[in-house]
Amino acid sequence: MVKLAIIYYSATGTNYEMAKAAQEAASKQDAEVRLLRVAELAPEKAIASNAAWKEHIEAAKDVPLATTDDLDWADAILFGTPTRFGNAAAPLRQFIDTTGGLWAKGKLANKVVSAFTSAQNPHGGQEATILSLYTTFYHWGAIVVAPGYTDPLLFKAGGNPYGASATVGEKGHFDPIVLDAVKVQTKRMVDIAERLNK
């Protein structure tokens, strides 16, 4: 049985919805799944100034916080983050920056990894965000499993071969086909992890 950690950061809920879609897909493949969030770093005042942000923080408060023990436990790790100027959001980067101890012991090598993201507009840095995360995973010695163009649905969902990405728009809505793209990506990850486990 594949052990999958889904580790995400979400301010207003888009990446949380994508993470839940991944969890659903992995569970259907009988993977053991941990859905985990990284700690919020923003001050309360900033969160309180945005109703959607505050609402999401409350809605996801029962999701456990990720630890490096979860990375050690997992065979496969799927990361999710909104894009921030073409990079992962600071809370996810901060979590990743705590992995040096595991990396130094070789405990992140040969893990199957992948990533998904979101941005407000179609050219908001989604591909750059995912690729910047993959650079870290190469340093780990992990096995990056991107969705590529392995399913026709991926074209309909925006055609990002590096990882599923949502275009949220000014009103905070995104095409739900992105959730199906996340499921395709997750299924591919679990399939590859199963092969490696054998």
C-alpha atoms as a PDB file:
ATOM      1  CA  MET A   1       0.000   0.000   0.000  1.00  0.00           C
ATOM      2  CA  VAL A   2       1.362   3.398  -1.000  1.00  0.00           C
ATOM      3  CA  LYS A   3       1.675   6.003   1.751  1.00  0.00           C
ATOM      4  CA  LEU A   4       0.876   9.450   0.342  1.00  0.00           C
ATOM      5  CA  ALA A   5       1.319  12.748   2.164  1.00  0.00           C
ATOM      6  CA  ILE A   6      -0.582  15.654   0.606  1.00  0.00           C
ATOM      7  CA  ILE A   7       0.974  18.822   2.002  1.00  0.00           C
ATOM      8  CA  TYR A   8      -0.489  22.158   1.020  1.00  0.00           C
ATOM      9  CA  TYR A   9      -0.788  25.824   1.826  1.00  0.00           C
ATOM     10  CA  SER A  10      -4.017  27.650   1.023  1.00  0.00           C
ATOM     11  CA  ALA A  11      -5.022  31.185   1.920  1.00  0.00           C
ATOM     12  CA  THR A  12      -8.592  31.342   0.631  1.00  0.00           C
ATOM     13  CA  GLY A  13      -9.309  27.677  -0.086  1.00  0.00           C
ATOM     14  CA  THR A  14      -8.407  26.907  -3.716  1.00  0.00           C
ATOM     15  CA  ASN A  15      -5.420  24.717  -2.901  1.00  0.00           C
ATOM     16  CA  TYR A  16      -7.357  23.128  -0.054  1.00  0.00           C
ATOM     17  CA  GLU A  17     -10.036  22.042  -2.560  1.00  0.00           C
ATOM     18  CA  MET A  18      -7.341  20.701  -4.867  1.00  0.00           C
ATOM     19  CA  ALA A  19      -5.721  18.817  -1.976  1.00  0.00           C
ATOM     20  CA  LYS A  20      -9.066  17.235  -1.068  1.00  0.00           C
ATOM     21  CA  ALA A  21      -9.532  16.119  -4.688  1.00  0.00           C
ATOM     22  CA  ALA A  22      -6.102  14.479  -4.537  1.00  0.00           C
ATOM     23  CA  GLN A  23      -7.043  12.782  -1.276  1.00  0.00           C
ATOM     24  CA  GLU A  24     -10.209  11.404  -2.865  1.00  0.00           C
ATOM     25  CA  ALA A  25      -8.314  10.040  -5.874  1.00  0.00           C
ATOM     26  CA  ALA A  26      -5.607   8.403  -3.769  1.00  0.00           C
ATOM     27  CA  SER A  27      -8.152   6.835  -1.416  1.00  0.00           C
ATOM     28  CA  LYS A  28      -9.873   5.223  -4.408  1.00  0.00           C
ATOM     29  CA  GLN A  29      -6.538   3.558  -5.190  1.00  0.00           C
ATOM     30  CA  ASP A  30      -6.339   2.222  -1.638  1.00  0.00           C
ATOM     31  CA  ALA A  31      -3.415   4.465  -0.733  1.00  0.00           C
ATOM     32  CA  GLU A  32      -2.936   5.421   2.889  1.00  0.00           C
ATOM     33  CA  VAL A  33      -3.320   9.202   2.802  1.00  0.00           C
ATOM     34  CA  ARG A  34      -2.414  12.009   5.161  1.00  0.00           C
ATOM     35  CA  LEU A  35      -3.953  15.364   4.235  1.00  0.00           C
ATOM     36  CA  LEU A  36      -1.819  18.027   5.900  1.00  0.00           C
ATOM     37  CA  ARG A  37      -1.485  21.796   5.876  1.00  0.00           C
ATOM     38  CA  VAL A  38       1.538  23.919   6.653  1.00  0.00           C
ATOM     39  CA  ALA A  39       1.398  26.544   9.363  1.00  0.00           C
ATOM     40  CA  GLU A  40       0.081  29.993   8.506  1.00  0.00           C
ATOM     41  CA  LEU A  41       2.727  32.684   8.868  1.00  0.00           C
ATOM     42  CA  ALA A  42       0.654  35.807   8.248  1.00  0.00           C
ATOM     43  CA  PRO A  43      -0.289  38.030  11.188  1.00  0.00           C
ATOM     44  CA  GLU A  44      -3.861  37.903  12.486  1.00  0.00           C
ATOM     45  CA  LYS A  45      -4.428  41.486  11.340  1.00  0.00           C
ATOM     46  CA  ALA A  46      -3.657  40.591   7.724  1.00  0.00           C
ATOM     47  CA  ILE A  47      -5.925  37.533   7.828  1.00  0.00           C
ATOM     48  CA  ALA A  48      -8.760  39.507   9.433  1.00  0.00           C
ATOM     49  CA  SER A  49      -8.576  42.091   6.642  1.00  0.00           C
ATOM     50  CA  ASN A  50      -9.660  39.507   4.045  1.00  0.00           C
ATOM     51  CA  ALA A  51     -13.007  37.797   4.701  1.00  0.00           C
ATOM     52  CA  ALA A  52     -12.293  34.834   2.401  1.00  0.00           C
ATOM     53  CA  TRP A  53      -8.906  34.249   4.038  1.00  0.00           C
ATOM     54  CA  LYS A  54     -10.353  34.376   7.540  1.00  0.00           C
ATOM     55  CA  GLU A  55     -13.229  32.085   6.533  1.00  0.00           C
ATOM     56  CA  HIS A  56     -10.868  29.511   5.049  1.00  0.00           C
ATOM     57  CA  ILE A  57      -8.574  29.507   8.096  1.00  0.00           C
ATOM     58  CA  GLU A  58     -11.596  28.649  10.217  1.00  0.00           C
ATOM     59  CA  ALA A  59     -12.864  25.991   7.761  1.00  0.00           C
ATOM     60  CA  ALA A  60      -9.516  24.144   7.644  1.00  0.00           C
ATOM     61  CA  LYS A  61      -8.531  24.443  11.297  1.00  0.00           C
ATOM     62  CA  ASP A  62      -9.002  20.703  11.906  1.00  0.00           C
ATOM     63  CA  VAL A  63      -6.574  19.683   9.155  1.00  0.00           C
ATOM     64  CA  PRO A  64      -3.392  18.531  10.932  1.00  0.00           C
ATOM     65  CA  LEU A  65      -0.169  20.475  10.514  1.00  0.00           C
ATOM     66  CA  ALA A  66       2.551  18.798   8.458  1.00  0.00           C
ATOM     67  CA  THR A  67       5.797  17.773  10.122  1.00  0.00           C
ATOM     68  CA  THR A  68       9.017  16.354   8.731  1.00  0.00           C
ATOM     69  CA  ASP A  69       7.957  13.028  10.268  1.00  0.00           C
ATOM     70  CA  ASP A  70       5.183  12.944   7.659  1.00  0.00           C
ATOM     71  CA  LEU A  71       7.787  13.243   4.898  1.00  0.00           C
ATOM     72  CA  ASP A  72       9.825  10.423   6.417  1.00  0.00           C
ATOM     73  CA  TRP A  73       6.694   8.245   6.621  1.00  0.00           C
ATOM     74  CA  ALA A  74       5.532   8.814   3.049  1.00  0.00           C
ATOM     75  CA  ASP A  75       6.403   6.910  -0.111  1.00  0.00           C
ATOM     76  CA  ALA A  76       4.969   9.779  -2.156  1.00  0.00           C
ATOM     77  CA  ILE A  77       4.440  13.471  -1.427  1.00  0.00           C
ATOM     78  CA  LEU A  78       2.151  15.856  -3.278  1.00  0.00           C
ATOM     79  CA  PHE A  79       2.633  19.561  -2.562  1.00  0.00           C
ATOM     80  CA  GLY A  80       0.109  22.304  -3.246  1.00  0.00           C
ATOM     81  CA  THR A  81       0.577  26.065  -3.074  1.00  0.00           C
ATOM     82  CA  PRO A  82      -0.708  29.274  -4.553  1.00  0.00           C
ATOM     83  CA  THR A  83       1.877  31.050  -6.661  1.00  0.00           C
ATOM     84  CA  ARG A  84       3.543  34.099  -5.184  1.00  0.00           C
ATOM     85  CA  PHE A  85       5.477  36.011  -7.841  1.00  0.00           C
ATOM     86  CA  GLY A  86       6.332  32.773  -9.647  1.00  0.00           C
ATOM     87  CA  ASN A  87       7.346  30.921  -6.485  1.00  0.00           C
ATOM     88  CA  ALA A  88       5.696  28.836  -3.791  1.00  0.00           C
ATOM     89  CA  ALA A  89       3.984  30.778  -1.010  1.00  0.00           C
ATOM     90  CA  ALA A  90       6.209  31.542   1.985  1.00  0.00           C
ATOM     91  CA  PRO A  91       4.477  29.141   4.420  1.00  0.00           C
ATOM     92  CA  LEU A  92       5.172  26.157   2.159  1.00  0.00           C
ATOM     93  CA  ARG A  93       8.731  27.313   1.433  1.00  0.00           C
ATOM     94  CA  GLN A  94       9.335  27.749   5.158  1.00  0.00           C
ATOM     95  CA  PHE A  95       8.185  24.168   5.767  1.00  0.00           C
ATOM     96  CA  ILE A  96      10.404  22.862   2.968  1.00  0.00           C
ATOM     97  CA  ASP A  97      13.327  24.772   4.462  1.00  0.00           C
ATOM     98  CA  THR A  98      13.022  22.602   7.607  1.00  0.00           C
ATOM     99  CA  THR A  99      13.811  19.413   5.668  1.00  0.00           C
ATOM    100  CA  GLY A 100      17.604  19.710   5.812  1.00  0.00           C
ATOM    101  CA  GLY A 101      17.931  17.080   8.512  1.00  0.00           C
ATOM    102  CA  LEU A 102      16.039  14.468   6.512  1.00  0.00           C
ATOM    103  CA  TRP A 103      17.894  15.430   3.328  1.00  0.00           C
ATOM    104  CA  ALA A 104      21.285  15.088   5.027  1.00  0.00           C
ATOM    105  CA  LYS A 105      20.389  11.532   6.073  1.00  0.00           C
ATOM    106  CA  GLY A 106      19.192  10.626   2.557  1.00  0.00           C
ATOM    107  CA  LYS A 107      15.647  10.106   3.801  1.00  0.00           C
ATOM    108  CA  LEU A 108      14.039  12.143   1.004  1.00  0.00           C
ATOM    109  CA  ALA A 109      15.811  10.289  -1.791  1.00  0.00           C
ATOM    110  CA  ASN A 110      13.639   8.096  -4.012  1.00  0.00           C
ATOM    111  CA  LYS A 111      10.367   9.550  -2.736  1.00  0.00           C
ATOM    112  CA  VAL A 112       7.831  10.140  -5.510  1.00  0.00           C
ATOM    113  CA  VAL A 113       6.955  13.844  -5.537  1.00  0.00           C
ATOM    114  CA  SER A 114       4.742  16.190  -7.521  1.00  0.00           C
ATOM    115  CA  ALA A 115       3.099  19.597  -7.116  1.00  0.00           C
ATOM    116  CA  PHE A 116       0.032  21.641  -8.036  1.00  0.00           C
ATOM    117  CA  THR A 117      -0.688  25.351  -7.808  1.00  0.00           C
ATOM    118  CA  SER A 118      -3.074  28.220  -8.473  1.00  0.00           C
ATOM    119  CA  ALA A 119      -2.921  31.870  -9.496  1.00  0.00           C
ATOM    120  CA  GLN A 120      -5.371  34.654 -10.261  1.00  0.00           C
ATOM    121  CA  ASN A 121      -4.749  34.741 -14.011  1.00  0.00           C
ATOM    122  CA  PRO A 122      -3.644  32.289 -16.731  1.00  0.00           C
ATOM    123  CA  HIS A 123      -0.077  33.626 -16.863  1.00  0.00           C
ATOM    124  CA  GLY A 124       0.351  34.271 -13.160  1.00  0.00           C
ATOM    125  CA  GLY A 125       3.422  32.106 -12.644  1.00  0.00           C
ATOM    126  CA  GLN A 126       1.877  28.648 -12.264  1.00  0.00           C
ATOM    127  CA  GLU A 127       4.518  26.804 -14.295  1.00  0.00           C
ATOM    128  CA  ALA A 128       7.390  28.724 -12.686  1.00  0.00           C
ATOM    129  CA  THR A 129       6.032  27.914  -9.224  1.00  0.00           C
ATOM    130  CA  ILE A 130       5.871  24.195  -9.891  1.00  0.00           C
ATOM    131  CA  LEU A 131       9.274  24.125 -11.577  1.00  0.00           C
ATOM    132  CA  SER A 132      10.864  26.005  -8.676  1.00  0.00           C
ATOM    133  CA  LEU A 133       9.538  23.335  -6.312  1.00  0.00           C
ATOM    134  CA  TYR A 134      10.873  20.588  -8.574  1.00  0.00           C
ATOM    135  CA  THR A 135      14.357  22.111  -8.341  1.00  0.00           C
ATOM    136  CA  THR A 136      14.236  21.480  -4.580  1.00  0.00           C
ATOM    137  CA  PHE A 137      13.057  17.911  -5.119  1.00  0.00           C
ATOM    138  CA  TYR A 138      15.964  17.240  -7.481  1.00  0.00           C
ATOM    139  CA  HIS A 139      18.302  18.252  -4.655  1.00  0.00           C
ATOM    140  CA  TRP A 140      16.537  15.744  -2.419  1.00  0.00           C
ATOM    141  CA  GLY A 141      17.134  12.963  -4.925  1.00  0.00           C
ATOM    142  CA  ALA A 142      13.373  12.494  -5.149  1.00  0.00           C
ATOM    143  CA  ILE A 143      11.622  11.153  -8.228  1.00  0.00           C
ATOM    144  CA  VAL A 144       9.544  13.919  -9.794  1.00  0.00           C
ATOM    145  CA  VAL A 145       6.377  12.559 -11.369  1.00  0.00           C
ATOM    146  CA  ALA A 146       4.635  15.212 -13.439  1.00  0.00           C
ATOM    147  CA  PRO A 147       1.306  14.508 -15.146  1.00  0.00           C
ATOM    148  CA  GLY A 148       2.725  15.322 -18.587  1.00  0.00           C
ATOM    149  CA  TYR A 149       0.112  14.869 -21.287  1.00  0.00           C
ATOM    150  CA  THR A 150      -0.888  11.391 -20.161  1.00  0.00           C
ATOM    151  CA  ASP A 151      -4.651  11.984 -20.278  1.00  0.00           C
ATOM    152  CA  PRO A 152      -6.786  14.049 -22.719  1.00  0.00           C
ATOM    153  CA  LEU A 153      -8.457  15.701 -19.733  1.00  0.00           C
ATOM    154  CA  LEU A 154      -5.225  17.526 -18.953  1.00  0.00           C
ATOM    155  CA  PHE A 155      -5.552  19.530 -22.180  1.00  0.00           C
ATOM    156  CA  LYS A 156      -9.081  20.569 -21.232  1.00  0.00           C
ATOM    157  CA  ALA A 157      -7.874  21.624 -17.779  1.00  0.00           C
ATOM    158  CA  GLY A 158      -5.359  24.109 -19.154  1.00  0.00           C
ATOM    159  CA  GLY A 159      -2.620  21.892 -20.511  1.00  0.00           C
ATOM    160  CA  ASN A 160       0.012  22.326 -17.811  1.00  0.00           C
ATOM    161  CA  PRO A 161       2.283  19.250 -18.117  1.00  0.00           C
ATOM    162  CA  TYR A 162       4.176  20.063 -14.909  1.00  0.00           C
ATOM    163  CA  GLY A 163       1.251  19.851 -12.506  1.00  0.00           C
ATOM    164  CA  ALA A 164      -2.392  20.789 -12.175  1.00  0.00           C
ATOM    165  CA  SER A 165      -2.972  24.518 -11.916  1.00  0.00           C
ATOM    166  CA  ALA A 166      -6.080  26.551 -11.250  1.00  0.00           C
ATOM    167  CA  THR A 167      -6.785  30.000 -12.648  1.00  0.00           C
ATOM    168  CA  VAL A 168      -8.885  31.547  -9.933  1.00  0.00           C
ATOM    169  CA  GLY A 169      -9.951  34.921 -11.310  1.00  0.00           C
ATOM    170  CA  GLU A 170     -10.864  38.042  -9.403  1.00  0.00           C
ATOM    171  CA  LYS A 171     -13.976  36.549  -7.795  1.00  0.00           C
ATOM    172  CA  GLY A 172     -12.179  33.505  -6.409  1.00  0.00           C
ATOM    173  CA  HIS A 173     -13.791  30.897  -8.665  1.00  0.00           C
ATOM    174  CA  PHE A 174     -12.034  28.315 -10.837  1.00  0.00           C
ATOM    175  CA  ASP A 175     -13.119  25.728 -13.391  1.00  0.00           C
ATOM    176  CA  PRO A 176     -13.859  22.482 -11.503  1.00  0.00           C
ATOM    177  CA  ILE A 177     -12.172  20.483 -14.281  1.00  0.00           C
ATOM    178  CA  VAL A 178      -8.935  21.395 -12.476  1.00  0.00           C
ATOM    179  CA  LEU A 179     -10.011  19.061  -9.673  1.00  0.00           C
ATOM    180  CA  ASP A 180     -10.179  16.245 -12.220  1.00  0.00           C
ATOM    181  CA  ALA A 181      -6.680  17.177 -13.402  1.00  0.00           C
ATOM    182  CA  VAL A 182      -5.427  16.894  -9.814  1.00  0.00           C
ATOM    183  CA  LYS A 183      -7.018  13.448  -9.619  1.00  0.00           C
ATOM    184  CA  VAL A 184      -5.242  12.332 -12.821  1.00  0.00           C
ATOM    185  CA  GLN A 185      -1.946  13.651 -11.427  1.00  0.00           C
ATOM    186  CA  THR A 186      -2.487  11.890  -8.096  1.00  0.00           C
ATOM    187  CA  LYS A 187      -3.410   8.606  -9.745  1.00  0.00           C
ATOM    188  CA  ARG A 188      -0.225   8.743 -11.806  1.00  0.00           C
ATOM    189  CA  MET A 189       1.843   9.419  -8.674  1.00  0.00           C
ATOM    190  CA  VAL A 190       0.308   6.512  -6.792  1.00  0.00           C
ATOM    191  CA  ASP A 191       0.764   4.194  -9.789  1.00  0.00           C
ATOM    192  CA  ILE A 192       4.470   5.062 -10.046  1.00  0.00           C
ATOM    193  CA  ALA A 193       4.962   4.744  -6.283  1.00  0.00           C
ATOM    194  CA  GLU A 194       3.336   1.308  -6.346  1.00  0.00           C
ATOM    195  CA  ARG A 195       5.734   0.188  -9.075  1.00  0.00           C
ATOM    196  CA  LEU A 196       8.708   1.448  -7.111  1.00  0.00           C
ATOM    197  CA  ASN A 197       7.481  -0.267  -3.942  1.00  0.00           C
ATOM    198  CA  LYS A 198       7.455  -3.596  -5.788  1.00  0.00           C
END
